[in-house]
PDB file of all heavy atoms in Angstrom:
ATOM      1  N   GLY A   1     -22.165   5.261  -5.889  1.00  0.00           N
ATOM      2  CA  GLY A   1     -20.753   5.609  -5.987  1.00  0.00           C
ATOM      3  C   GLY A   1     -20.176   6.055  -4.669  1.00  0.00           C
ATOM      4  O   GLY A   1     -20.894   6.313  -3.718  1.00  0.00           O
ATOM      5  N   LEU A   2     -18.855   6.047  -4.584  1.00  0.00           N
ATOM      6  CA  LEU A   2     -18.131   6.380  -3.397  1.00  0.00           C
ATOM      7  C   LEU A   2     -17.009   7.313  -3.803  1.00  0.00           C
ATOM      8  O   LEU A   2     -16.260   7.057  -4.742  1.00  0.00           O
ATOM      9  CB  LEU A   2     -17.576   5.091  -2.786  1.00  0.00           C
ATOM     10  CG  LEU A   2     -16.728   5.229  -1.509  1.00  0.00           C
ATOM     11  CD1 LEU A   2     -17.686   5.417  -0.328  1.00  0.00           C
ATOM     12  CD2 LEU A   2     -15.894   4.042  -1.293  1.00  0.00           C
ATOM     13  N   GLN A   3     -16.888   8.397  -3.059  1.00  0.00           N
ATOM     14  CA  GLN A   3     -15.746   9.326  -3.249  1.00  0.00           C
ATOM     15  C   GLN A   3     -15.029   9.468  -2.003  1.00  0.00           C
ATOM     16  O   GLN A   3     -15.648   9.795  -0.939  1.00  0.00           O
ATOM     17  CB  GLN A   3     -16.235  10.660  -3.793  1.00  0.00           C
ATOM     18  CG  GLN A   3     -15.145  11.651  -4.005  1.00  0.00           C
ATOM     19  CD  GLN A   3     -15.661  12.971  -4.633  1.00  0.00           C
ATOM     20  OE1 GLN A   3     -16.214  12.962  -5.699  1.00  0.00           O
ATOM     21  NE2 GLN A   3     -15.489  14.066  -3.914  1.00  0.00           N
ATOM     22  N   VAL A   4     -13.713   9.294  -1.981  1.00  0.00           N
ATOM     23  CA  VAL A   4     -12.845   9.444  -0.808  1.00  0.00           C
ATOM     24  C   VAL A   4     -11.864  10.609  -1.031  1.00  0.00           C
ATOM     25  O   VAL A   4     -11.201  10.590  -2.024  1.00  0.00           O
ATOM     26  CB  VAL A   4     -12.113   8.134  -0.554  1.00  0.00           C
ATOM     27  CG1 VAL A   4     -11.193   8.323   0.691  1.00  0.00           C
ATOM     28  CG2 VAL A   4     -13.064   6.988  -0.357  1.00  0.00           C
ATOM     29  N   THR A   5     -11.810  11.500  -0.067  1.00  0.00           N
ATOM     30  CA  THR A   5     -10.906  12.596  -0.072  1.00  0.00           C
ATOM     31  C   THR A   5      -9.941  12.403   1.114  1.00  0.00           C
ATOM     32  O   THR A   5     -10.377  12.042   2.223  1.00  0.00           O
ATOM     33  CB  THR A   5     -11.618  13.927   0.100  1.00  0.00           C
ATOM     34  OG1 THR A   5     -12.608  14.042  -0.926  1.00  0.00           O
ATOM     35  CG2 THR A   5     -10.681  15.090   0.013  1.00  0.00           C
ATOM     36  N   GLY A   6      -8.663  12.566   0.862  1.00  0.00           N
ATOM     37  CA  GLY A   6      -7.699  12.368   1.928  1.00  0.00           C
ATOM     38  C   GLY A   6      -6.318  12.908   1.637  1.00  0.00           C
ATOM     39  O   GLY A   6      -6.154  13.708   0.740  1.00  0.00           O
ATOM     40  N   ARG A   7      -5.312  12.322   2.352  1.00  0.00           N
ATOM     41  CA  ARG A   7      -3.901  12.686   2.112  1.00  0.00           C
ATOM     42  C   ARG A   7      -3.091  11.458   1.727  1.00  0.00           C
ATOM     43  O   ARG A   7      -3.307  10.335   2.226  1.00  0.00           O
ATOM     44  CB  ARG A   7      -3.319  13.211   3.426  1.00  0.00           C
ATOM     45  CG  ARG A   7      -4.093  14.417   3.865  1.00  0.00           C
ATOM     46  CD  ARG A   7      -3.443  15.665   4.203  1.00  0.00           C
ATOM     47  NE  ARG A   7      -2.017  15.763   4.362  1.00  0.00           N
ATOM     48  CZ  ARG A   7      -1.292  16.701   3.738  1.00  0.00           C
ATOM     49  NH1 ARG A   7      -1.883  17.548   2.923  1.00  0.00           N
ATOM     50  NH2 ARG A   7      -0.017  16.789   3.927  1.00  0.00           N
ATOM     51  N   ALA A   8      -2.235  11.672   0.735  1.00  0.00           N
ATOM     52  CA  ALA A   8      -1.428  10.577   0.205  1.00  0.00           C
ATOM     53  C   ALA A   8      -0.066  10.517   0.941  1.00  0.00           C
ATOM     54  O   ALA A   8       0.426  11.596   1.358  1.00  0.00           O
ATOM     55  CB  ALA A   8      -1.202  10.763  -1.267  1.00  0.00           C
ATOM     56  N   GLU A   9       0.400   9.376   1.061  1.00  0.00           N
ATOM     57  CA  GLU A   9       1.747   9.179   1.650  1.00  0.00           C
ATOM     58  C   GLU A   9       2.428   8.080   0.801  1.00  0.00           C
ATOM     59  O   GLU A   9       1.800   7.068   0.447  1.00  0.00           O
ATOM     60  CB  GLU A   9       1.555   8.651   3.077  1.00  0.00           C
ATOM     61  CG  GLU A   9       2.801   8.328   3.825  1.00  0.00           C
ATOM     62  CD  GLU A   9       2.550   7.775   5.195  1.00  0.00           C
ATOM     63  OE1 GLU A   9       1.420   7.969   5.738  1.00  0.00           O
ATOM     64  OE2 GLU A   9       3.478   7.074   5.739  1.00  0.00           O
ATOM     65  N   ILE A  10       3.663   8.365   0.411  1.00  0.00           N
ATOM     66  CA  ILE A  10       4.474   7.354  -0.346  1.00  0.00           C
ATOM     67  C   ILE A  10       5.158   6.462   0.718  1.00  0.00           C
ATOM     68  O   ILE A  10       5.901   6.941   1.537  1.00  0.00           O
ATOM     69  CB  ILE A  10       5.495   8.030  -1.205  1.00  0.00           C
ATOM     70  CG1 ILE A  10       4.817   9.039  -2.175  1.00  0.00           C
ATOM     71  CG2 ILE A  10       6.247   6.969  -2.040  1.00  0.00           C
ATOM     72  CD1 ILE A  10       3.745   8.493  -3.030  1.00  0.00           C
ATOM     73  N   ILE A  11       4.940   5.188   0.626  1.00  0.00           N
ATOM     74  CA  ILE A  11       5.537   4.221   1.592  1.00  0.00           C
ATOM     75  C   ILE A  11       6.905   3.810   1.085  1.00  0.00           C
ATOM     76  O   ILE A  11       7.107   3.542  -0.147  1.00  0.00           O
ATOM     77  CB  ILE A  11       4.596   2.981   1.794  1.00  0.00           C
ATOM     78  CG1 ILE A  11       3.176   3.375   2.189  1.00  0.00           C
ATOM     79  CG2 ILE A  11       5.203   1.981   2.696  1.00  0.00           C
ATOM     80  CD1 ILE A  11       3.173   4.137   3.482  1.00  0.00           C
ATOM     81  N   GLU A  12       7.841   3.786   2.018  1.00  0.00           N
ATOM     82  CA  GLU A  12       9.201   3.410   1.669  1.00  0.00           C
ATOM     83  C   GLU A  12       9.256   2.045   1.032  1.00  0.00           C
ATOM     84  O   GLU A  12       8.735   1.093   1.596  1.00  0.00           O
ATOM     85  CB  GLU A  12      10.015   3.421   2.973  1.00  0.00           C
ATOM     86  CG  GLU A  12      11.504   3.078   2.787  1.00  0.00           C
ATOM     87  CD  GLU A  12      12.260   4.178   1.970  1.00  0.00           C
ATOM     88  OE1 GLU A  12      11.924   5.352   2.125  1.00  0.00           O
ATOM     89  OE2 GLU A  12      13.190   3.817   1.235  1.00  0.00           O
ATOM     90  N   PRO A  13       9.858   1.922  -0.179  1.00  0.00           N
ATOM     91  CA  PRO A  13       9.915   0.666  -0.883  1.00  0.00           C
ATOM     92  C   PRO A  13      10.600  -0.431   0.017  1.00  0.00           C
ATOM     93  O   PRO A  13      11.658  -0.155   0.640  1.00  0.00           O
ATOM     94  CB  PRO A  13      10.758   0.951  -2.108  1.00  0.00           C
ATOM     95  CG  PRO A  13      10.549   2.414  -2.344  1.00  0.00           C
ATOM     96  CD  PRO A  13      10.467   3.010  -1.000  1.00  0.00           C
ATOM     97  N   PHE A  14       9.984  -1.591   0.067  1.00  0.00           N
ATOM     98  CA  PHE A  14      10.458  -2.777   0.805  1.00  0.00           C
ATOM     99  C   PHE A  14      10.514  -2.611   2.277  1.00  0.00           C
ATOM    100  O   PHE A  14      11.148  -3.401   2.934  1.00  0.00           O
ATOM    101  CB  PHE A  14      11.796  -3.257   0.150  1.00  0.00           C
ATOM    102  CG  PHE A  14      11.641  -3.483  -1.331  1.00  0.00           C
ATOM    103  CD1 PHE A  14      12.210  -2.634  -2.226  1.00  0.00           C
ATOM    104  CD2 PHE A  14      10.852  -4.508  -1.803  1.00  0.00           C
ATOM    105  CE1 PHE A  14      12.087  -2.810  -3.612  1.00  0.00           C
ATOM    106  CE2 PHE A  14      10.708  -4.713  -3.191  1.00  0.00           C
ATOM    107  CZ  PHE A  14      11.283  -3.806  -4.102  1.00  0.00           C
ATOM    108  N   SER A  15       9.832  -1.626   2.802  1.00  0.00           N
ATOM    109  CA  SER A  15       9.656  -1.496   4.272  1.00  0.00           C
ATOM    110  C   SER A  15       8.646  -2.599   4.722  1.00  0.00           C
ATOM    111  O   SER A  15       8.030  -3.207   3.828  1.00  0.00           O
ATOM    112  CB  SER A  15       9.153  -0.102   4.586  1.00  0.00           C
ATOM    113  OG  SER A  15       7.818   0.096   4.074  1.00  0.00           O
ATOM    114  N   GLU A  16       8.515  -2.721   5.953  1.00  0.00           N
ATOM    115  CA  GLU A  16       7.562  -3.717   6.530  1.00  0.00           C
ATOM    116  C   GLU A  16       6.173  -3.457   5.985  1.00  0.00           C
ATOM    117  O   GLU A  16       5.455  -4.379   5.600  1.00  0.00           O
ATOM    118  CB  GLU A  16       7.573  -3.660   8.009  1.00  0.00           C
ATOM    119  CG  GLU A  16       6.715  -4.734   8.720  1.00  0.00           C
ATOM    120  CD  GLU A  16       6.871  -4.694  10.196  1.00  0.00           C
ATOM    121  OE1 GLU A  16       7.980  -4.418  10.751  1.00  0.00           O
ATOM    122  OE2 GLU A  16       5.869  -4.926  10.881  1.00  0.00           O
ATOM    123  N   GLU A  17       5.729  -2.200   5.934  1.00  0.00           N
ATOM    124  CA  GLU A  17       4.373  -1.863   5.428  1.00  0.00           C
ATOM    125  C   GLU A  17       4.220  -2.128   3.958  1.00  0.00           C
ATOM    126  O   GLU A  17       3.223  -2.624   3.521  1.00  0.00           O
ATOM    127  CB  GLU A  17       4.096  -0.376   5.754  1.00  0.00           C
ATOM    128  CG  GLU A  17       2.699   0.028   5.483  1.00  0.00           C
ATOM    129  CD  GLU A  17       2.362   1.436   5.952  1.00  0.00           C
ATOM    130  OE1 GLU A  17       3.275   2.176   6.330  1.00  0.00           O
ATOM    131  OE2 GLU A  17       1.173   1.824   5.892  1.00  0.00           O
ATOM    132  N   TYR A  18       5.339  -1.828   3.204  1.00  0.00           N
ATOM    133  CA  TYR A  18       5.337  -2.127   1.769  1.00  0.00           C
ATOM    134  C   TYR A  18       5.145  -3.600   1.470  1.00  0.00           C
ATOM    135  O   TYR A  18       4.337  -3.979   0.693  1.00  0.00           O
ATOM    136  CB  TYR A  18       6.631  -1.560   1.207  1.00  0.00           C
ATOM    137  CG  TYR A  18       6.819  -1.702  -0.314  1.00  0.00           C
ATOM    138  CD1 TYR A  18       6.554  -0.565  -1.111  1.00  0.00           C
ATOM    139  CD2 TYR A  18       7.322  -2.842  -0.864  1.00  0.00           C
ATOM    140  CE1 TYR A  18       6.760  -0.690  -2.480  1.00  0.00           C
ATOM    141  CE2 TYR A  18       7.525  -2.938  -2.216  1.00  0.00           C
ATOM    142  CZ  TYR A  18       7.211  -1.813  -3.060  1.00  0.00           C
ATOM    143  OH  TYR A  18       7.435  -1.897  -4.392  1.00  0.00           O
ATOM    144  N   ILE A  19       5.958  -4.419   2.195  1.00  0.00           N
ATOM    145  CA  ILE A  19       5.913  -5.871   2.017  1.00  0.00           C
ATOM    146  C   ILE A  19       4.568  -6.455   2.419  1.00  0.00           C
ATOM    147  O   ILE A  19       3.973  -7.311   1.758  1.00  0.00           O
ATOM    148  CB  ILE A  19       7.064  -6.549   2.756  1.00  0.00           C
ATOM    149  CG1 ILE A  19       8.379  -6.223   2.099  1.00  0.00           C
ATOM    150  CG2 ILE A  19       6.864  -8.021   2.884  1.00  0.00           C
ATOM    151  CD1 ILE A  19       9.631  -6.525   2.918  1.00  0.00           C
ATOM    152  N   TYR A  20       4.001  -5.895   3.526  1.00  0.00           N
ATOM    153  CA  TYR A  20       2.644  -6.354   3.958  1.00  0.00           C
ATOM    154  C   TYR A  20       1.650  -6.072   2.884  1.00  0.00           C
ATOM    155  O   TYR A  20       0.814  -6.974   2.547  1.00  0.00           O
ATOM    156  CB  TYR A  20       2.246  -5.654   5.263  1.00  0.00           C
ATOM    157  CG  TYR A  20       0.891  -5.990   5.730  1.00  0.00           C
ATOM    158  CD1 TYR A  20       0.656  -7.118   6.410  1.00  0.00           C
ATOM    159  CD2 TYR A  20      -0.131  -5.121   5.434  1.00  0.00           C
ATOM    160  CE1 TYR A  20      -0.638  -7.450   6.822  1.00  0.00           C
ATOM    161  CE2 TYR A  20      -1.465  -5.444   5.795  1.00  0.00           C
ATOM    162  CZ  TYR A  20      -1.680  -6.621   6.507  1.00  0.00           C
ATOM    163  OH  TYR A  20      -2.965  -6.933   6.940  1.00  0.00           O
ATOM    164  N   ALA A  21       1.675  -4.901   2.280  1.00  0.00           N
ATOM    165  CA  ALA A  21       0.694  -4.515   1.250  1.00  0.00           C
ATOM    166  C   ALA A  21       0.871  -5.401   0.003  1.00  0.00           C
ATOM    167  O   ALA A  21      -0.141  -5.810  -0.534  1.00  0.00           O
ATOM    168  CB  ALA A  21       0.830  -3.030   0.874  1.00  0.00           C
ATOM    169  N   ALA A  22       2.087  -5.659  -0.368  1.00  0.00           N
ATOM    170  CA  ALA A  22       2.296  -6.558  -1.550  1.00  0.00           C
ATOM    171  C   ALA A  22       1.759  -7.946  -1.317  1.00  0.00           C
ATOM    172  O   ALA A  22       1.090  -8.535  -2.097  1.00  0.00           O
ATOM    173  CB  ALA A  22       3.800  -6.595  -1.862  1.00  0.00           C
ATOM    174  N   GLU A  23       2.077  -8.492  -0.103  1.00  0.00           N
ATOM    175  CA  GLU A  23       1.594  -9.834   0.204  1.00  0.00           C
ATOM    176  C   GLU A  23       0.090  -9.906   0.299  1.00  0.00           C
ATOM    177  O   GLU A  23      -0.562 -10.827  -0.168  1.00  0.00           O
ATOM    178  CB  GLU A  23       2.206 -10.351   1.536  1.00  0.00           C
ATOM    179  CG  GLU A  23       3.678 -10.595   1.449  1.00  0.00           C
ATOM    180  CD  GLU A  23       4.380 -10.928   2.689  1.00  0.00           C
ATOM    181  OE1 GLU A  23       3.807 -10.669   3.827  1.00  0.00           O
ATOM    182  OE2 GLU A  23       5.542 -11.388   2.662  1.00  0.00           O
ATOM    183  N   TRP A  24      -0.537  -8.832   0.857  1.00  0.00           N
ATOM    184  CA  TRP A  24      -2.006  -8.778   0.990  1.00  0.00           C
ATOM    185  C   TRP A  24      -2.588  -8.717  -0.435  1.00  0.00           C
ATOM    186  O   TRP A  24      -3.645  -9.310  -0.628  1.00  0.00           O
ATOM    187  CB  TRP A  24      -2.401  -7.541   1.756  1.00  0.00           C
ATOM    188  CG  TRP A  24      -3.869  -7.512   2.053  1.00  0.00           C
ATOM    189  CD1 TRP A  24      -4.489  -8.124   3.050  1.00  0.00           C
ATOM    190  CD2 TRP A  24      -4.869  -6.741   1.355  1.00  0.00           C
ATOM    191  NE1 TRP A  24      -5.887  -7.858   2.994  1.00  0.00           N
ATOM    192  CE2 TRP A  24      -6.128  -7.025   1.944  1.00  0.00           C
ATOM    193  CE3 TRP A  24      -4.840  -5.932   0.244  1.00  0.00           C
ATOM    194  CZ2 TRP A  24      -7.299  -6.457   1.556  1.00  0.00           C
ATOM    195  CZ3 TRP A  24      -6.062  -5.436  -0.236  1.00  0.00           C
ATOM    196  CH2 TRP A  24      -7.261  -5.672   0.392  1.00  0.00           C
ATOM    197  N   LYS A  25      -1.969  -8.050  -1.388  1.00  0.00           N
ATOM    198  CA  LYS A  25      -2.491  -7.997  -2.762  1.00  0.00           C
ATOM    199  C   LYS A  25      -2.002  -9.164  -3.621  1.00  0.00           C
ATOM    200  O   LYS A  25      -2.246  -9.236  -4.800  1.00  0.00           O
ATOM    201  CB  LYS A  25      -2.082  -6.671  -3.398  1.00  0.00           C
ATOM    202  CG  LYS A  25      -2.712  -5.506  -2.792  1.00  0.00           C
ATOM    203  CD  LYS A  25      -2.330  -4.190  -3.407  1.00  0.00           C
ATOM    204  CE  LYS A  25      -3.041  -3.825  -4.663  1.00  0.00           C
ATOM    205  NZ  LYS A  25      -4.448  -3.764  -4.706  1.00  0.00           N
ATOM    206  N   LYS A  26      -1.300 -10.119  -2.951  1.00  0.00           N
ATOM    207  CA  LYS A  26      -0.783 -11.354  -3.647  1.00  0.00           C
ATOM    208  C   LYS A  26       0.170 -10.985  -4.714  1.00  0.00           C
ATOM    209  O   LYS A  26       0.225 -11.657  -5.795  1.00  0.00           O
ATOM    210  CB  LYS A  26      -1.918 -12.202  -4.077  1.00  0.00           C
ATOM    211  CG  LYS A  26      -2.793 -12.713  -2.943  1.00  0.00           C
ATOM    212  CD  LYS A  26      -3.864 -13.652  -3.454  1.00  0.00           C
ATOM    213  CE  LYS A  26      -4.793 -14.190  -2.386  1.00  0.00           C
ATOM    214  NZ  LYS A  26      -4.833 -13.761  -1.061  1.00  0.00           N
ATOM    215  N   ILE A  27       1.008  -9.964  -4.522  1.00  0.00           N
ATOM    216  CA  ILE A  27       2.099  -9.571  -5.409  1.00  0.00           C
ATOM    217  C   ILE A  27       3.417 -10.123  -4.852  1.00  0.00           C
ATOM    218  O   ILE A  27       3.779  -9.742  -3.754  1.00  0.00           O
ATOM    219  CB  ILE A  27       2.208  -8.024  -5.584  1.00  0.00           C
ATOM    220  CG1 ILE A  27       0.862  -7.508  -6.082  1.00  0.00           C
ATOM    221  CG2 ILE A  27       3.372  -7.673  -6.486  1.00  0.00           C
ATOM    222  CD1 ILE A  27       0.827  -5.978  -6.090  1.00  0.00           C
ATOM    223  N   PRO A  28       4.070 -11.029  -5.536  1.00  0.00           N
ATOM    224  CA  PRO A  28       5.292 -11.613  -4.995  1.00  0.00           C
ATOM    225  C   PRO A  28       6.362 -10.565  -4.825  1.00  0.00           C
ATOM    226  O   PRO A  28       6.668  -9.824  -5.768  1.00  0.00           O
ATOM    227  CB  PRO A  28       5.703 -12.634  -6.055  1.00  0.00           C
ATOM    228  CG  PRO A  28       4.451 -12.879  -6.923  1.00  0.00           C
ATOM    229  CD  PRO A  28       3.702 -11.621  -6.814  1.00  0.00           C
ATOM    230  N   VAL A  29       6.918 -10.423  -3.618  1.00  0.00           N
ATOM    231  CA  VAL A  29       7.898  -9.394  -3.275  1.00  0.00           C
ATOM    232  C   VAL A  29       9.184  -9.693  -4.173  1.00  0.00           C
ATOM    233  O   VAL A  29       9.782  -8.682  -4.625  1.00  0.00           O
ATOM    234  CB  VAL A  29       8.218  -9.455  -1.803  1.00  0.00           C
ATOM    235  CG1 VAL A  29       9.351  -8.473  -1.488  1.00  0.00           C
ATOM    236  CG2 VAL A  29       6.998  -9.076  -0.980  1.00  0.00           C
TER     237      VAL A  29
END
């Protein structure tokens, strides 16, 4: 198993980072 502890950040909807993540996960923007 793997456990990750960290800090969460909400990414601005439809920002460059948001669109990149959607495309990487193959979710049509």
